[in-house]
PDB file of all heavy atoms in Angstrom:
ATOM      1  N   GLY A   1     102.552  96.725 102.285  1.00  0.00           N
ATOM      2  CA  GLY A   1     103.829  97.247 102.767  1.00  0.00           C
ATOM      3  C   GLY A   1     105.017  96.716 102.011  1.00  0.00           C
ATOM      4  O   GLY A   1     106.153  96.856 102.463  1.00  0.00           O
ATOM      5  N   GLY A   2     104.767  96.115 100.854  1.00  0.00           N
ATOM      6  CA  GLY A   2     105.849  95.553 100.067  1.00  0.00           C
ATOM      7  C   GLY A   2     106.337  96.511  98.994  1.00  0.00           C
ATOM      8  O   GLY A   2     105.773  97.590  98.782  1.00  0.00           O
ATOM      9  N   THR A   3     107.378  96.094  98.313  1.00  0.00           N
ATOM     10  CA  THR A   3     108.004  96.907  97.273  1.00  0.00           C
ATOM     11  C   THR A   3     108.028  96.144  95.963  1.00  0.00           C
ATOM     12  O   THR A   3     108.484  95.000  95.914  1.00  0.00           O
ATOM     13  CB  THR A   3     109.450  97.284  97.662  1.00  0.00           C
ATOM     14  OG1 THR A   3     109.420  98.020  98.886  1.00  0.00           O
ATOM     15  CG2 THR A   3     110.107  98.115  96.576  1.00  0.00           C
ATOM     16  N   PHE A   4     107.523  96.780  94.921  1.00  0.00           N
ATOM     17  CA  PHE A   4     107.571  96.225  93.574  1.00  0.00           C
ATOM     18  C   PHE A   4     108.511  97.080  92.735  1.00  0.00           C
ATOM     19  O   PHE A   4     108.408  98.314  92.740  1.00  0.00           O
ATOM     20  CB  PHE A   4     106.183  96.224  92.929  1.00  0.00           C
ATOM     21  CG  PHE A   4     106.217  95.897  91.464  1.00  0.00           C
ATOM     22  CD1 PHE A   4     106.136  94.589  91.035  1.00  0.00           C
ATOM     23  CD2 PHE A   4     106.354  96.902  90.502  1.00  0.00           C
ATOM     24  CE1 PHE A   4     106.182  94.281  89.678  1.00  0.00           C
ATOM     25  CE2 PHE A   4     106.403  96.606  89.153  1.00  0.00           C
ATOM     26  CZ  PHE A   4     106.319  95.283  88.741  1.00  0.00           C
ATOM     27  N   VAL A   5     109.416  96.430  92.009  1.00  0.00           N
ATOM     28  CA  VAL A   5     110.321  97.151  91.122  1.00  0.00           C
ATOM     29  C   VAL A   5     110.306  96.471  89.756  1.00  0.00           C
ATOM     30  O   VAL A   5     110.555  95.265  89.664  1.00  0.00           O
ATOM     31  CB  VAL A   5     111.775  97.163  91.653  1.00  0.00           C
ATOM     32  CG1 VAL A   5     112.679  97.913  90.672  1.00  0.00           C
ATOM     33  CG2 VAL A   5     111.847  97.784  93.031  1.00  0.00           C
ATOM     34  N   GLN A   6     109.966  97.243  88.713  1.00  0.00           N
ATOM     35  CA  GLN A   6     110.228  96.751  87.370  1.00  0.00           C
ATOM     36  C   GLN A   6     111.645  97.170  87.025  1.00  0.00           C
ATOM     37  O   GLN A   6     111.929  98.348  86.803  1.00  0.00           O
ATOM     38  CB  GLN A   6     109.251  97.310  86.341  1.00  0.00           C
ATOM     39  CG  GLN A   6     109.574  96.781  84.937  1.00  0.00           C
ATOM     40  CD  GLN A   6     108.555  97.161  83.895  1.00  0.00           C
ATOM     41  OE1 GLN A   6     107.356  97.037  84.106  1.00  0.00           O
ATOM     42  NE2 GLN A   6     109.045  97.652  82.759  1.00  0.00           N
ATOM     43  N   ALA A   7     112.540  96.193  87.027  1.00  0.00           N
ATOM     44  CA  ALA A   7     113.954  96.471  86.807  1.00  0.00           C
ATOM     45  C   ALA A   7     114.219  96.778  85.339  1.00  0.00           C
ATOM     46  O   ALA A   7     113.377  96.543  84.470  1.00  0.00           O
ATOM     47  CB  ALA A   7     114.784  95.277  87.253  1.00  0.00           C
ATOM     48  N   GLU A   8     115.406  97.280  85.074  1.00  0.00           N
ATOM     49  CA  GLU A   8     115.772  97.596  83.693  1.00  0.00           C
ATOM     50  C   GLU A   8     116.201  96.367  82.908  1.00  0.00           C
ATOM     51  O   GLU A   8     116.354  96.423  81.692  1.00  0.00           O
ATOM     52  CB  GLU A   8     116.888  98.645  83.647  1.00  0.00           C
ATOM     53  CG  GLU A   8     118.213  98.204  84.254  1.00  0.00           C
ATOM     54  CD  GLU A   8     118.346  98.547  85.724  1.00  0.00           C
ATOM     55  OE1 GLU A   8     117.315  98.583  86.426  1.00  0.00           O
ATOM     56  OE2 GLU A   8     119.485  98.792  86.162  1.00  0.00           O
ATOM     57  N   SER A   9     116.399  95.235  83.608  1.00  0.00           N
ATOM     58  CA  SER A   9     116.790  93.997  82.942  1.00  0.00           C
ATOM     59  C   SER A   9     116.624  92.844  83.921  1.00  0.00           C
ATOM     60  O   SER A   9     116.462  93.047  85.133  1.00  0.00           O
ATOM     61  CB  SER A   9     118.257  94.054  82.477  1.00  0.00           C
ATOM     62  OG  SER A   9     119.122  94.046  83.600  1.00  0.00           O
ATOM     63  N   GLU A  10     116.680  91.637  83.388  1.00  0.00           N
ATOM     64  CA  GLU A  10     116.641  90.468  84.252  1.00  0.00           C
ATOM     65  C   GLU A  10     117.853  90.390  85.169  1.00  0.00           C
ATOM     66  O   GLU A  10     117.759  89.956  86.319  1.00  0.00           O
ATOM     67  CB  GLU A  10     116.558  89.191  83.414  1.00  0.00           C
ATOM     68  CG  GLU A  10     115.213  88.950  82.754  1.00  0.00           C
ATOM     69  CD  GLU A  10     115.084  89.569  81.373  1.00  0.00           C
ATOM     70  OE1 GLU A  10     115.990  90.356  80.992  1.00  0.00           O
ATOM     71  OE2 GLU A  10     114.101  89.276  80.674  1.00  0.00           O
ATOM     72  N   VAL A  11     119.008  90.801  84.652  1.00  0.00           N
ATOM     73  CA  VAL A  11     120.225  90.794  85.470  1.00  0.00           C
ATOM     74  C   VAL A  11     120.053  91.722  86.666  1.00  0.00           C
ATOM     75  O   VAL A  11     120.392  91.382  87.812  1.00  0.00           O
ATOM     76  CB  VAL A  11     121.446  91.197  84.627  1.00  0.00           C
ATOM     77  CG1 VAL A  11     122.690  91.324  85.499  1.00  0.00           C
ATOM     78  CG2 VAL A  11     121.693  90.175  83.514  1.00  0.00           C
ATOM     79  N   ALA A  12     119.517  92.907  86.417  1.00  0.00           N
ATOM     80  CA  ALA A  12     119.280  93.844  87.517  1.00  0.00           C
ATOM     81  C   ALA A  12     118.267  93.280  88.501  1.00  0.00           C
ATOM     82  O   ALA A  12     118.438  93.394  89.720  1.00  0.00           O
ATOM     83  CB  ALA A  12     118.799  95.183  86.958  1.00  0.00           C
ATOM     84  N   ALA A  13     117.221  92.651  87.983  1.00  0.00           N
ATOM     85  CA  ALA A  13     116.155  92.151  88.846  1.00  0.00           C
ATOM     86  C   ALA A  13     116.669  91.128  89.847  1.00  0.00           C
ATOM     87  O   ALA A  13     116.374  91.195  91.046  1.00  0.00           O
ATOM     88  CB  ALA A  13     115.039  91.546  87.999  1.00  0.00           C
ATOM     89  N   ILE A  14     117.451  90.155  89.382  1.00  0.00           N
ATOM     90  CA  ILE A  14     117.911  89.107  90.300  1.00  0.00           C
ATOM     91  C   ILE A  14     118.877  89.665  91.325  1.00  0.00           C
ATOM     92  O   ILE A  14     118.912  89.218  92.484  1.00  0.00           O
ATOM     93  CB  ILE A  14     118.531  87.913  89.524  1.00  0.00           C
ATOM     94  CG1 ILE A  14     118.683  86.697  90.442  1.00  0.00           C
ATOM     95  CG2 ILE A  14     119.851  88.291  88.891  1.00  0.00           C
ATOM     96  CD1 ILE A  14     117.397  86.128  90.968  1.00  0.00           C
ATOM     97  N   ASN A  15     119.650  90.671  90.945  1.00  0.00           N
ATOM     98  CA  ASN A  15     120.570  91.270  91.915  1.00  0.00           C
ATOM     99  C   ASN A  15     119.841  92.160  92.922  1.00  0.00           C
ATOM    100  O   ASN A  15     120.276  92.297  94.066  1.00  0.00           O
ATOM    101  CB  ASN A  15     121.683  92.026  91.193  1.00  0.00           C
ATOM    102  CG  ASN A  15     122.722  91.080  90.627  1.00  0.00           C
ATOM    103  OD1 ASN A  15     123.511  90.500  91.369  1.00  0.00           O
ATOM    104  ND2 ASN A  15     122.713  90.897  89.317  1.00  0.00           N
ATOM    105  N   MET A  16     118.711  92.746  92.520  1.00  0.00           N
ATOM    106  CA  MET A  16     117.861  93.447  93.490  1.00  0.00           C
ATOM    107  C   MET A  16     117.271  92.460  94.491  1.00  0.00           C
ATOM    108  O   MET A  16     117.191  92.745  95.697  1.00  0.00           O
ATOM    109  CB  MET A  16     116.753  94.198  92.763  1.00  0.00           C
ATOM    110  CG  MET A  16     117.222  95.374  91.940  1.00  0.00           C
ATOM    111  SD  MET A  16     115.844  96.103  91.006  1.00  0.00           S
ATOM    112  CE  MET A  16     116.710  97.347  90.059  1.00  0.00           C
ATOM    113  N   VAL A  17     116.865  91.289  93.999  1.00  0.00           N
ATOM    114  CA  VAL A  17     116.361  90.244  94.893  1.00  0.00           C
ATOM    115  C   VAL A  17     117.460  89.801  95.853  1.00  0.00           C
ATOM    116  O   VAL A  17     117.214  89.572  97.046  1.00  0.00           O
ATOM    117  CB  VAL A  17     115.822  89.062  94.060  1.00  0.00           C
ATOM    118  CG1 VAL A  17     115.605  87.826  94.925  1.00  0.00           C
ATOM    119  CG2 VAL A  17     114.532  89.458  93.369  1.00  0.00           C
ATOM    120  N   TYR A  18     118.670  89.678  95.354  1.00  0.00           N
ATOM    121  CA  TYR A  18     119.830  89.338  96.185  1.00  0.00           C
ATOM    122  C   TYR A  18     119.996  90.367  97.308  1.00  0.00           C
ATOM    123  O   TYR A  18     120.144  90.020  98.485  1.00  0.00           O
ATOM    124  CB  TYR A  18     121.060  89.283  95.276  1.00  0.00           C
ATOM    125  CG  TYR A  18     122.374  88.884  95.895  1.00  0.00           C
ATOM    126  CD1 TYR A  18     122.499  88.468  97.214  1.00  0.00           C
ATOM    127  CD2 TYR A  18     123.533  88.922  95.113  1.00  0.00           C
ATOM    128  CE1 TYR A  18     123.731  88.097  97.735  1.00  0.00           C
ATOM    129  CE2 TYR A  18     124.769  88.558  95.625  1.00  0.00           C
ATOM    130  CZ  TYR A  18     124.864  88.155  96.946  1.00  0.00           C
ATOM    131  OH  TYR A  18     126.085  87.798  97.450  1.00  0.00           O
ATOM    132  N   GLY A  19     119.935  91.640  96.942  1.00  0.00           N
ATOM    133  CA  GLY A  19     120.097  92.690  97.943  1.00  0.00           C
ATOM    134  C   GLY A  19     118.985  92.704  98.966  1.00  0.00           C
ATOM    135  O   GLY A  19     119.226  92.820 100.180  1.00  0.00           O
ATOM    136  N   ALA A  20     117.728  92.579  98.500  1.00  0.00           N
ATOM    137  CA  ALA A  20     116.599  92.573  99.433  1.00  0.00           C
ATOM    138  C   ALA A  20     116.649  91.348 100.339  1.00  0.00           C
ATOM    139  O   ALA A  20     116.430  91.435 101.553  1.00  0.00           O
ATOM    140  CB  ALA A  20     115.285  92.606  98.662  1.00  0.00           C
ATOM    141  N   GLY A  21     116.966  90.182  99.748  1.00  0.00           N
ATOM    142  CA  GLY A  21     117.038  88.965 100.541  1.00  0.00           C
ATOM    143  C   GLY A  21     118.123  89.023 101.600  1.00  0.00           C
ATOM    144  O   GLY A  21     117.974  88.445 102.690  1.00  0.00           O
ATOM    145  N   ALA A  22     119.210  89.738 101.311  1.00  0.00           N
ATOM    146  CA  ALA A  22     120.302  89.853 102.280  1.00  0.00           C
ATOM    147  C   ALA A  22     119.888  90.610 103.529  1.00  0.00           C
ATOM    148  O   ALA A  22     120.510  90.464 104.588  1.00  0.00           O
ATOM    149  CB  ALA A  22     121.507  90.535 101.621  1.00  0.00           C
ATOM    150  N   THR A  23     118.836  91.410 103.438  1.00  0.00           N
ATOM    151  CA  THR A  23     118.342  92.128 104.614  1.00  0.00           C
ATOM    152  C   THR A  23     117.349  91.294 105.425  1.00  0.00           C
ATOM    153  O   THR A  23     116.828  91.764 106.439  1.00  0.00           O
ATOM    154  CB  THR A  23     117.646  93.435 104.206  1.00  0.00           C
ATOM    155  OG1 THR A  23     116.396  93.133 103.569  1.00  0.00           O
ATOM    156  CG2 THR A  23     118.525  94.265 103.279  1.00  0.00           C
ATOM    157  N   GLY A  24     117.067  90.078 104.959  1.00  0.00           N
ATOM    158  CA  GLY A  24     116.086  89.233 105.631  1.00  0.00           C
ATOM    159  C   GLY A  24     114.682  89.386 105.097  1.00  0.00           C
ATOM    160  O   GLY A  24     113.760  88.709 105.558  1.00  0.00           O
ATOM    161  N   THR A  25     114.486  90.272 104.125  1.00  0.00           N
ATOM    162  CA  THR A  25     113.172  90.436 103.496  1.00  0.00           C
ATOM    163  C   THR A  25     112.885  89.233 102.599  1.00  0.00           C
ATOM    164  O   THR A  25     113.765  88.774 101.876  1.00  0.00           O
ATOM    165  CB  THR A  25     113.151  91.724 102.647  1.00  0.00           C
ATOM    166  OG1 THR A  25     113.445  92.835 103.487  1.00  0.00           O
ATOM    167  CG2 THR A  25     111.799  91.924 101.987  1.00  0.00           C
ATOM    168  N   LEU A  26     111.645  88.720 102.645  1.00  0.00           N
ATOM    169  CA  LEU A  26     111.292  87.618 101.762  1.00  0.00           C
ATOM    170  C   LEU A  26     111.117  88.164 100.352  1.00  0.00           C
ATOM    171  O   LEU A  26     110.234  88.992 100.097  1.00  0.00           O
ATOM    172  CB  LEU A  26     110.013  86.934 102.238  1.00  0.00           C
ATOM    173  CG  LEU A  26     110.041  86.340 103.649  1.00  0.00           C
ATOM    174  CD1 LEU A  26     108.835  85.442 103.879  1.00  0.00           C
ATOM    175  CD2 LEU A  26     111.324  85.572 103.905  1.00  0.00           C
ATOM    176  N   ALA A  27     111.961  87.689  99.441  1.00  0.00           N
ATOM    177  CA  ALA A  27     112.038  88.259  98.099  1.00  0.00           C
ATOM    178  C   ALA A  27     111.721  87.204  97.051  1.00  0.00           C
ATOM    179  O   ALA A  27     112.026  86.020  97.216  1.00  0.00           O
ATOM    180  CB  ALA A  27     113.429  88.835  97.849  1.00  0.00           C
ATOM    181  N   VAL A  28     111.109  87.655  95.953  1.00  0.00           N
ATOM    182  CA  VAL A  28     110.711  86.763  94.879  1.00  0.00           C
ATOM    183  C   VAL A  28     110.919  87.467  93.548  1.00  0.00           C
ATOM    184  O   VAL A  28     110.818  88.692  93.448  1.00  0.00           O
ATOM    185  CB  VAL A  28     109.233  86.323  95.044  1.00  0.00           C
ATOM    186  CG1 VAL A  28     108.297  87.527  95.037  1.00  0.00           C
ATOM    187  CG2 VAL A  28     108.815  85.327  93.967  1.00  0.00           C
ATOM    188  N   THR A  29     111.223  86.683  92.536  1.00  0.00           N
ATOM    189  CA  THR A  29     111.249  87.186  91.171  1.00  0.00           C
ATOM    190  C   THR A  29     110.592  86.147  90.277  1.00  0.00           C
ATOM    191  O   THR A  29     110.469  84.985  90.648  1.00  0.00           O
ATOM    192  CB  THR A  29     112.690  87.472  90.688  1.00  0.00           C
ATOM    193  OG1 THR A  29     112.645  88.135  89.419  1.00  0.00           O
ATOM    194  CG2 THR A  29     113.499  86.191  90.547  1.00  0.00           C
ATOM    195  N   SER A  30     110.146  86.585  89.119  1.00  0.00           N
ATOM    196  CA  SER A  30     109.577  85.660  88.143  1.00  0.00           C
ATOM    197  C   SER A  30     110.075  86.034  86.760  1.00  0.00           C
ATOM    198  O   SER A  30     110.443  87.183  86.494  1.00  0.00           O
ATOM    199  CB  SER A  30     108.046  85.687  88.182  1.00  0.00           C
ATOM    200  OG  SER A  30     107.552  86.939  87.734  1.00  0.00           O
TER     201      SER A  30
END
């Protein structure tokens, strides 16, 4: 039930994690 996104850049990826984390979803990036 999770969501995987290959972002267009590292900058985009961390900000997607920021957005997901703000909803209370446990978010991770590597």
